[in-house]
PDB file of N, CA and C in Angstrom:
ATOM      1  N   MET A   1     -11.601-227.902  17.520  1.00  0.00           N
ATOM      2  CA  MET A   1     -10.622-226.972  17.797  1.00  0.00           C
ATOM      3  C   MET A   1     -10.639-225.342  17.292  1.00  0.00           C
ATOM      4  N   THR A   2     -11.623-225.984  15.836  1.00  0.00           N
ATOM      5  CA  THR A   2     -11.765-224.191  15.310  1.00  0.00           C
ATOM      6  C   THR A   2     -12.703-223.322  16.402  1.00  0.00           C
ATOM      7  N   ILE A   3     -13.505-223.988  16.751  1.00  0.00           N
ATOM      8  CA  ILE A   3     -14.207-223.248  17.732  1.00  0.00           C
ATOM      9  C   ILE A   3     -13.455-222.737  18.860  1.00  0.00           C
ATOM     10  N   ALA A   4     -12.609-223.375  19.621  1.00  0.00           N
ATOM     11  CA  ALA A   4     -11.662-222.915  20.423  1.00  0.00           C
ATOM     12  C   ALA A   4     -10.909-221.785  19.999  1.00  0.00           C
ATOM     13  N   ALA A   5     -10.417-221.893  18.986  1.00  0.00           N
ATOM     14  CA  ALA A   5      -9.389-220.731  17.998  1.00  0.00           C
ATOM     15  C   ALA A   5     -10.171-219.559  17.927  1.00  0.00           C
ATOM     16  N   ILE A   6     -11.828-219.585  17.530  1.00  0.00           N
ATOM     17  CA  ILE A   6     -12.303-218.498  17.675  1.00  0.00           C
ATOM     18  C   ILE A   6     -12.790-218.117  18.411  1.00  0.00           C
ATOM     19  N   VAL A   7     -12.987-218.627  19.527  1.00  0.00           N
ATOM     20  CA  VAL A   7     -13.311-218.218  21.023  1.00  0.00           C
ATOM     21  C   VAL A   7     -11.997-217.564  21.650  1.00  0.00           C
ATOM     22  N   LEU A   8     -10.686-217.894  21.451  1.00  0.00           N
ATOM     23  CA  LEU A   8      -9.548-217.465  21.964  1.00  0.00           C
ATOM     24  C   LEU A   8      -9.290-215.830  21.415  1.00  0.00           C
ATOM     25  N   VAL A   9      -9.557-216.052  20.001  1.00  0.00           N
ATOM     26  CA  VAL A   9      -9.443-214.621  19.043  1.00  0.00           C
ATOM     27  C   VAL A   9      -9.966-213.679  19.781  1.00  0.00           C
ATOM     28  N   ILE A  10     -11.831-214.000  19.886  1.00  0.00           N
ATOM     29  CA  ILE A  10     -12.682-212.927  20.417  1.00  0.00           C
ATOM     30  C   ILE A  10     -12.372-212.639  22.163  1.00  0.00           C
ATOM     31  N   PHE A  11     -12.166-213.716  22.716  1.00  0.00           N
ATOM     32  CA  PHE A  11     -11.742-213.323  23.956  1.00  0.00           C
ATOM     33  C   PHE A  11     -10.606-212.226  24.223  1.00  0.00           C
ATOM     34  N   LEU A  12      -9.537-212.488  23.363  1.00  0.00           N
ATOM     35  CA  LEU A  12      -8.341-211.649  23.287  1.00  0.00           C
ATOM     36  C   LEU A  12      -8.519-210.231  22.592  1.00  0.00           C
ATOM     37  N   ILE A  13      -9.525-210.043  21.747  1.00  0.00           N
ATOM     38  CA  ILE A  13     -10.078-208.807  21.134  1.00  0.00           C
ATOM     39  C   ILE A  13     -11.061-208.189  22.210  1.00  0.00           C
ATOM     40  N   ALA A  14     -11.596-208.448  22.645  1.00  0.00           N
ATOM     41  CA  ALA A  14     -12.257-207.716  24.034  1.00  0.00           C
ATOM     42  C   ALA A  14     -11.367-207.438  25.018  1.00  0.00           C
ATOM     43  N   THR A  15     -10.214-208.315  25.387  1.00  0.00           N
ATOM     44  CA  THR A  15      -9.306-208.086  26.304  1.00  0.00           C
ATOM     45  C   THR A  15      -8.505-206.718  25.871  1.00  0.00           C
ATOM     46  N   ALA A  16      -8.230-206.684  24.780  1.00  0.00           N
ATOM     47  CA  ALA A  16      -7.535-205.765  24.197  1.00  0.00           C
ATOM     48  C   ALA A  16      -8.526-204.421  24.296  1.00  0.00           C
ATOM     49  N   ALA A  17      -9.577-204.393  24.033  1.00  0.00           N
ATOM     50  CA  ALA A  17     -10.798-203.157  24.019  1.00  0.00           C
ATOM     51  C   ALA A  17     -10.990-202.809  25.227  1.00  0.00           C
ATOM     52  N   ILE A  18     -11.056-203.946  26.204  1.00  0.00           N
ATOM     53  CA  ILE A  18     -11.199-203.230  27.684  1.00  0.00           C
ATOM     54  C   ILE A  18      -9.833-202.652  28.096  1.00  0.00           C
ATOM     55  N   THR A  19      -8.683-203.192  27.709  1.00  0.00           N
ATOM     56  CA  THR A  19      -7.549-202.548  28.078  1.00  0.00           C
ATOM     57  C   THR A  19      -7.034-201.524  27.798  1.00  0.00           C
ATOM     58  N   PHE A  20      -7.486-201.061  26.084  1.00  0.00           N
ATOM     59  CA  PHE A  20      -7.283-199.968  25.719  1.00  0.00           C
ATOM     60  C   PHE A  20      -8.216-198.846  26.310  1.00  0.00           C
ATOM     61  N   PHE A  21      -9.289-199.148  26.618  1.00  0.00           N
ATOM     62  CA  PHE A  21     -10.129-198.258  27.359  1.00  0.00           C
ATOM     63  C   PHE A  21      -9.818-197.736  28.903  1.00  0.00           C
ATOM     64  N   ALA A  22      -9.517-199.200  29.427  1.00  0.00           N
ATOM     65  CA  ALA A  22      -8.983-198.891  30.932  1.00  0.00           C
ATOM     66  C   ALA A  22      -7.693-198.231  30.995  1.00  0.00           C
ATOM     67  N   LEU A  23      -6.733-198.252  30.161  1.00  0.00           N
ATOM     68  CA  LEU A  23      -5.792-197.378  30.365  1.00  0.00           C
ATOM     69  C   LEU A  23      -5.677-195.866  29.508  1.00  0.00           C
ATOM     70  N   LYS A  24      -6.776-195.716  29.247  1.00  0.00           N
ATOM     71  CA  LYS A  24      -6.735-194.489  28.400  1.00  0.00           C
ATOM     72  C   LYS A  24      -6.451-193.139  29.128  1.00  0.00           C
ATOM     73  N   LYS A  25      -6.524-193.047  30.313  1.00  0.00           N
ATOM     74  CA  LYS A  25      -6.040-192.228  31.085  1.00  0.00           C
ATOM     75  C   LYS A  25      -4.766-191.951  31.859  1.00  0.00           C
ATOM     76  N   ALA A  26      -4.265-193.602  31.755  1.00  0.00           N
ATOM     77  CA  ALA A  26      -2.984-193.600  32.541  1.00  0.00           C
ATOM     78  C   ALA A  26      -1.722-193.627  31.630  1.00  0.00           C
ATOM     79  N   PHE A  27      -1.822-193.781  30.081  1.00  0.00           N
ATOM     80  CA  PHE A  27      -0.506-193.712  29.621  1.00  0.00           C
ATOM     81  C   PHE A  27      -0.798-193.004  28.383  1.00  0.00           C
ATOM     82  N   LYS A  28       0.310-192.548  27.697  1.00  0.00           N
ATOM     83  CA  LYS A  28       0.213-191.809  26.155  1.00  0.00           C
ATOM     84  C   LYS A  28      -0.214-193.020  25.136  1.00  0.00           C
ATOM     85  N   MET A  29      -0.849-192.133  24.275  1.00  0.00           N
ATOM     86  CA  MET A  29      -1.144-192.886  22.981  1.00  0.00           C
ATOM     87  C   MET A  29      -0.233-194.269  22.597  1.00  0.00           C
ATOM     88  N   ALA A  30       1.005-193.982  22.107  1.00  0.00           N
ATOM     89  CA  ALA A  30       1.484-194.533  21.745  1.00  0.00           C
ATOM     90  C   ALA A  30       1.761-195.956  22.951  1.00  0.00           C
ATOM     91  N   ILE A  31       1.996-195.927  24.142  1.00  0.00           N
ATOM     92  CA  ILE A  31       2.228-196.832  24.791  1.00  0.00           C
ATOM     93  C   ILE A  31       1.021-198.000  24.707  1.00  0.00           C
ATOM     94  N   ARG A  32      -0.347-197.259  24.895  1.00  0.00           N
ATOM     95  CA  ARG A  32      -1.541-197.862  24.950  1.00  0.00           C
ATOM     96  C   ARG A  32      -1.709-198.490  23.500  1.00  0.00           C
ATOM     97  N   ALA A  33      -1.520-197.941  22.602  1.00  0.00           N
ATOM     98  CA  ALA A  33      -1.139-198.954  21.076  1.00  0.00           C
ATOM     99  C   ALA A  33      -0.662-199.868  21.070  1.00  0.00           C
ATOM    100  N   ALA A  34       0.828-199.924  21.853  1.00  0.00           N
ATOM    101  CA  ALA A  34       1.574-200.708  21.731  1.00  0.00           C
ATOM    102  C   ALA A  34       1.175-201.806  22.471  1.00  0.00           C
ATOM    103  N   ILE A  35       0.551-201.809  23.756  1.00  0.00           N
ATOM    104  CA  ILE A  35       0.018-203.022  24.444  1.00  0.00           C
ATOM    105  C   ILE A  35      -1.066-203.553  23.865  1.00  0.00           C
ATOM    106  N   VAL A  36      -2.095-202.980  23.323  1.00  0.00           N
ATOM    107  CA  VAL A  36      -3.312-203.525  22.189  1.00  0.00           C
ATOM    108  C   VAL A  36      -2.756-204.276  21.486  1.00  0.00           C
ATOM    109  N   ALA A  37      -1.332-203.670  20.483  1.00  0.00           N
ATOM    110  CA  ALA A  37      -1.019-204.321  19.315  1.00  0.00           C
ATOM    111  C   ALA A  37      -0.205-205.881  19.654  1.00  0.00           C
ATOM    112  N   ILE A  38       0.328-205.766  21.194  1.00  0.00           N
ATOM    113  CA  ILE A  38       0.554-207.265  21.682  1.00  0.00           C
ATOM    114  C   ILE A  38      -0.467-208.069  21.921  1.00  0.00           C
ATOM    115  N   ILE A  39      -1.338-207.617  22.202  1.00  0.00           N
ATOM    116  CA  ILE A  39      -2.548-208.332  22.428  1.00  0.00           C
ATOM    117  C   ILE A  39      -3.267-208.929  21.147  1.00  0.00           C
ATOM    118  N   LEU A  40      -3.362-208.187  20.717  1.00  0.00           N
ATOM    119  CA  LEU A  40      -4.152-208.441  19.197  1.00  0.00           C
ATOM    120  C   LEU A  40      -3.093-209.560  18.334  1.00  0.00           C
ATOM    121  N   LEU A  41      -1.703-209.422  18.582  1.00  0.00           N
ATOM    122  CA  LEU A  41      -0.886-210.286  18.132  1.00  0.00           C
ATOM    123  C   LEU A  41      -0.720-211.438  18.744  1.00  0.00           C
ATOM    124  N   VAL A  42      -0.984-211.717  19.986  1.00  0.00           N
ATOM    125  CA  VAL A  42      -1.259-212.872  20.397  1.00  0.00           C
ATOM    126  C   VAL A  42      -2.332-213.602  20.339  1.00  0.00           C
ATOM    127  N   ALA A  43      -3.455-212.977  20.143  1.00  0.00           N
ATOM    128  CA  ALA A  43      -4.782-213.396  19.689  1.00  0.00           C
ATOM    129  C   ALA A  43      -4.546-214.177  18.381  1.00  0.00           C
ATOM    130  N   LEU A  44      -3.811-213.418  17.185  1.00  0.00           N
ATOM    131  CA  LEU A  44      -3.622-213.976  16.210  1.00  0.00           C
ATOM    132  C   LEU A  44      -3.048-215.208  15.845  1.00  0.00           C
ATOM    133  N   VAL A  45      -1.828-214.961  16.771  1.00  0.00           N
ATOM    134  CA  VAL A  45      -1.022-216.596  16.670  1.00  0.00           C
ATOM    135  C   VAL A  45      -1.176-217.262  17.388  1.00  0.00           C
ATOM    136  N   GLY A  46      -2.269-217.333  18.440  1.00  0.00           N
ATOM    137  CA  GLY A  46      -2.904-218.410  19.245  1.00  0.00           C
ATOM    138  C   GLY A  46      -4.032-219.087  18.479  1.00  0.00           C
ATOM    139  N   GLY A  47      -4.952-218.179  18.016  1.00  0.00           N
ATOM    140  CA  GLY A  47      -5.621-218.476  16.822  1.00  0.00           C
ATOM    141  C   GLY A  47      -5.304-219.189  15.801  1.00  0.00           C
ATOM    142  N   ALA A  48      -4.383-218.951  15.244  1.00  0.00           N
ATOM    143  CA  ALA A  48      -3.500-219.537  13.808  1.00  0.00           C
ATOM    144  C   ALA A  48      -3.111-220.713  14.447  1.00  0.00           C
ATOM    145  N   SER A  49      -2.575-221.035  15.337  1.00  0.00           N
ATOM    146  CA  SER A  49      -1.862-222.377  16.099  1.00  0.00           C
ATOM    147  C   SER A  49      -3.026-223.449  16.347  1.00  0.00           C
ATOM    148  N   LEU A  50      -3.949-222.909  17.102  1.00  0.00           N
ATOM    149  CA  LEU A  50      -4.969-223.399  17.444  1.00  0.00           C
ATOM    150  C   LEU A  50      -5.564-224.188  15.894  1.00  0.00           C
ATOM    151  N   TRP A  51      -5.900-223.293  15.341  1.00  0.00           N
ATOM    152  CA  TRP A  51      -6.378-223.709  13.907  1.00  0.00           C
ATOM    153  C   TRP A  51      -5.687-224.542  13.257  1.00  0.00           C
ATOM    154  N   TRP A  52      -4.231-224.178  13.137  1.00  0.00           N
ATOM    155  CA  TRP A  52      -3.417-225.240  12.282  1.00  0.00           C
ATOM    156  C   TRP A  52      -3.514-226.551  12.822  1.00  0.00           C
ATOM    157  N   PHE A  53      -3.227-226.312  14.006  1.00  0.00           N
ATOM    158  CA  PHE A  53      -2.560-227.852  14.907  1.00  0.00           C
ATOM    159  C   PHE A  53      -3.805-228.511  15.106  1.00  0.00           C
ATOM    160  N   GLY A  54      -5.038-227.826  15.442  1.00  0.00           N
ATOM    161  CA  GLY A  54      -6.035-228.659  15.715  1.00  0.00           C
ATOM    162  C   GLY A  54      -7.206-229.123  14.661  1.00  0.00           C
ATOM    163  N   SER A  55      -6.685-228.806  13.439  1.00  0.00           N
ATOM    164  CA  SER A  55      -7.498-228.994  12.416  1.00  0.00           C
ATOM    165  C   SER A  55      -7.279-230.374  11.781  1.00  0.00           C
ATOM    166  N   GLY A  56      -6.126-231.225  12.128  1.00  0.00           N
ATOM    167  CA  GLY A  56      -5.853-232.332  11.513  1.00  0.00           C
ATOM    168  C   GLY A  56      -6.931-233.454  12.225  1.00  0.00           C
ATOM    169  N   SER A  57      -7.380-234.246  11.266  1.00  0.00           N
ATOM    170  CA  SER A  57      -8.431-235.361  11.541  1.00  0.00           C
ATOM    171  C   SER A  57      -7.657-236.504  12.204  1.00  0.00           C
ATOM    172  N   VAL A  58      -7.889-237.045  13.191  1.00  0.00           N
ATOM    173  CA  VAL A  58      -7.174-238.040  13.881  1.00  0.00           C
ATOM    174  C   VAL A  58      -8.228-239.446  13.572  1.00  0.00           C
ATOM    175  N   GLU A  59      -7.507-240.076  12.562  1.00  0.00           N
ATOM    176  CA  GLU A  59      -8.100-241.256  12.451  1.00  0.00           C
ATOM    177  C   GLU A  59      -7.669-242.596  13.120  1.00  0.00           C
ATOM    178  N   LYS A  60      -8.762-243.502  14.131  1.00  0.00           N
ATOM    179  CA  LYS A  60      -7.890-244.380  14.593  1.00  0.00           C
ATOM    180  C   LYS A  60      -8.166-245.694  13.720  1.00  0.00           C
ATOM    181  N   PRO A  61      -7.105-246.673  13.925  1.00  0.00           N
ATOM    182  CA  PRO A  61      -6.889-247.971  13.349  1.00  0.00           C
ATOM    183  C   PRO A  61      -7.997-248.921  13.244  1.00  0.00           C
ATOM    184  N   PRO A  62      -8.531-249.549  12.175  1.00  0.00           N
ATOM    185  CA  PRO A  62      -9.656-250.341  12.534  1.00  0.00           C
ATOM    186  C   PRO A  62      -9.615-251.265  13.629  1.00  0.00           C
ATOM    187  N   ALA A  63     -10.503-251.741  14.472  1.00  0.00           N
ATOM    188  CA  ALA A  63     -10.469-252.634  15.597  1.00  0.00           C
ATOM    189  C   ALA A  63     -10.409-254.214  14.682  1.00  0.00           C
ATOM    190  N   THR A  64      -9.415-255.094  15.198  1.00  0.00           N
ATOM    191  CA  THR A  64      -9.116-255.854  14.886  1.00  0.00           C
ATOM    192  C   THR A  64      -9.409-257.028  15.827  1.00  0.00           C
ATOM    193  N   LYS A  65      -9.668-258.161  16.059  1.00  0.00           N
ATOM    194  CA  LYS A  65      -9.842-259.379  16.722  1.00  0.00           C
ATOM    195  C   LYS A  65      -8.732-260.170  17.048  1.00  0.00           C
ATOM    196  N   LYS A  66      -8.138-260.066  18.078  1.00  0.00           N
ATOM    197  CA  LYS A  66      -6.923-260.759  18.734  1.00  0.00           C
ATOM    198  C   LYS A  66      -7.458-262.427  18.895  1.00  0.00           C
ATOM    199  N   SER A  67      -6.475-263.062  17.732  1.00  0.00           N
ATOM    200  CA  SER A  67      -6.568-264.930  17.776  1.00  0.00           C
ATOM    201  C   SER A  67      -5.777-265.331  18.929  1.00  0.00           C
ATOM    202  N   ARG A  68      -6.114-266.576  19.232  1.00  0.00           N
ATOM    203  CA  ARG A  68      -5.614-267.196  20.101  1.00  0.00           C
ATOM    204  C   ARG A  68      -4.667-268.822  19.371  1.00  0.00           C
TER     205      ARG A  68
END
């Protein structure tokens, strides 16, 4: 899950950069910065939650034979 968290953060950072440059001519700087900040916040929260909840090791109980 750590790899998934890293990939998610990198993907959303790239999305934020593309959004920033795509909206360069359409919006004022404050609106662009707010949109990019929201995307980066989602990246950080999503990556942190994947890392936090996915880092626990799940151990299976030992296999036992059923006796009749």
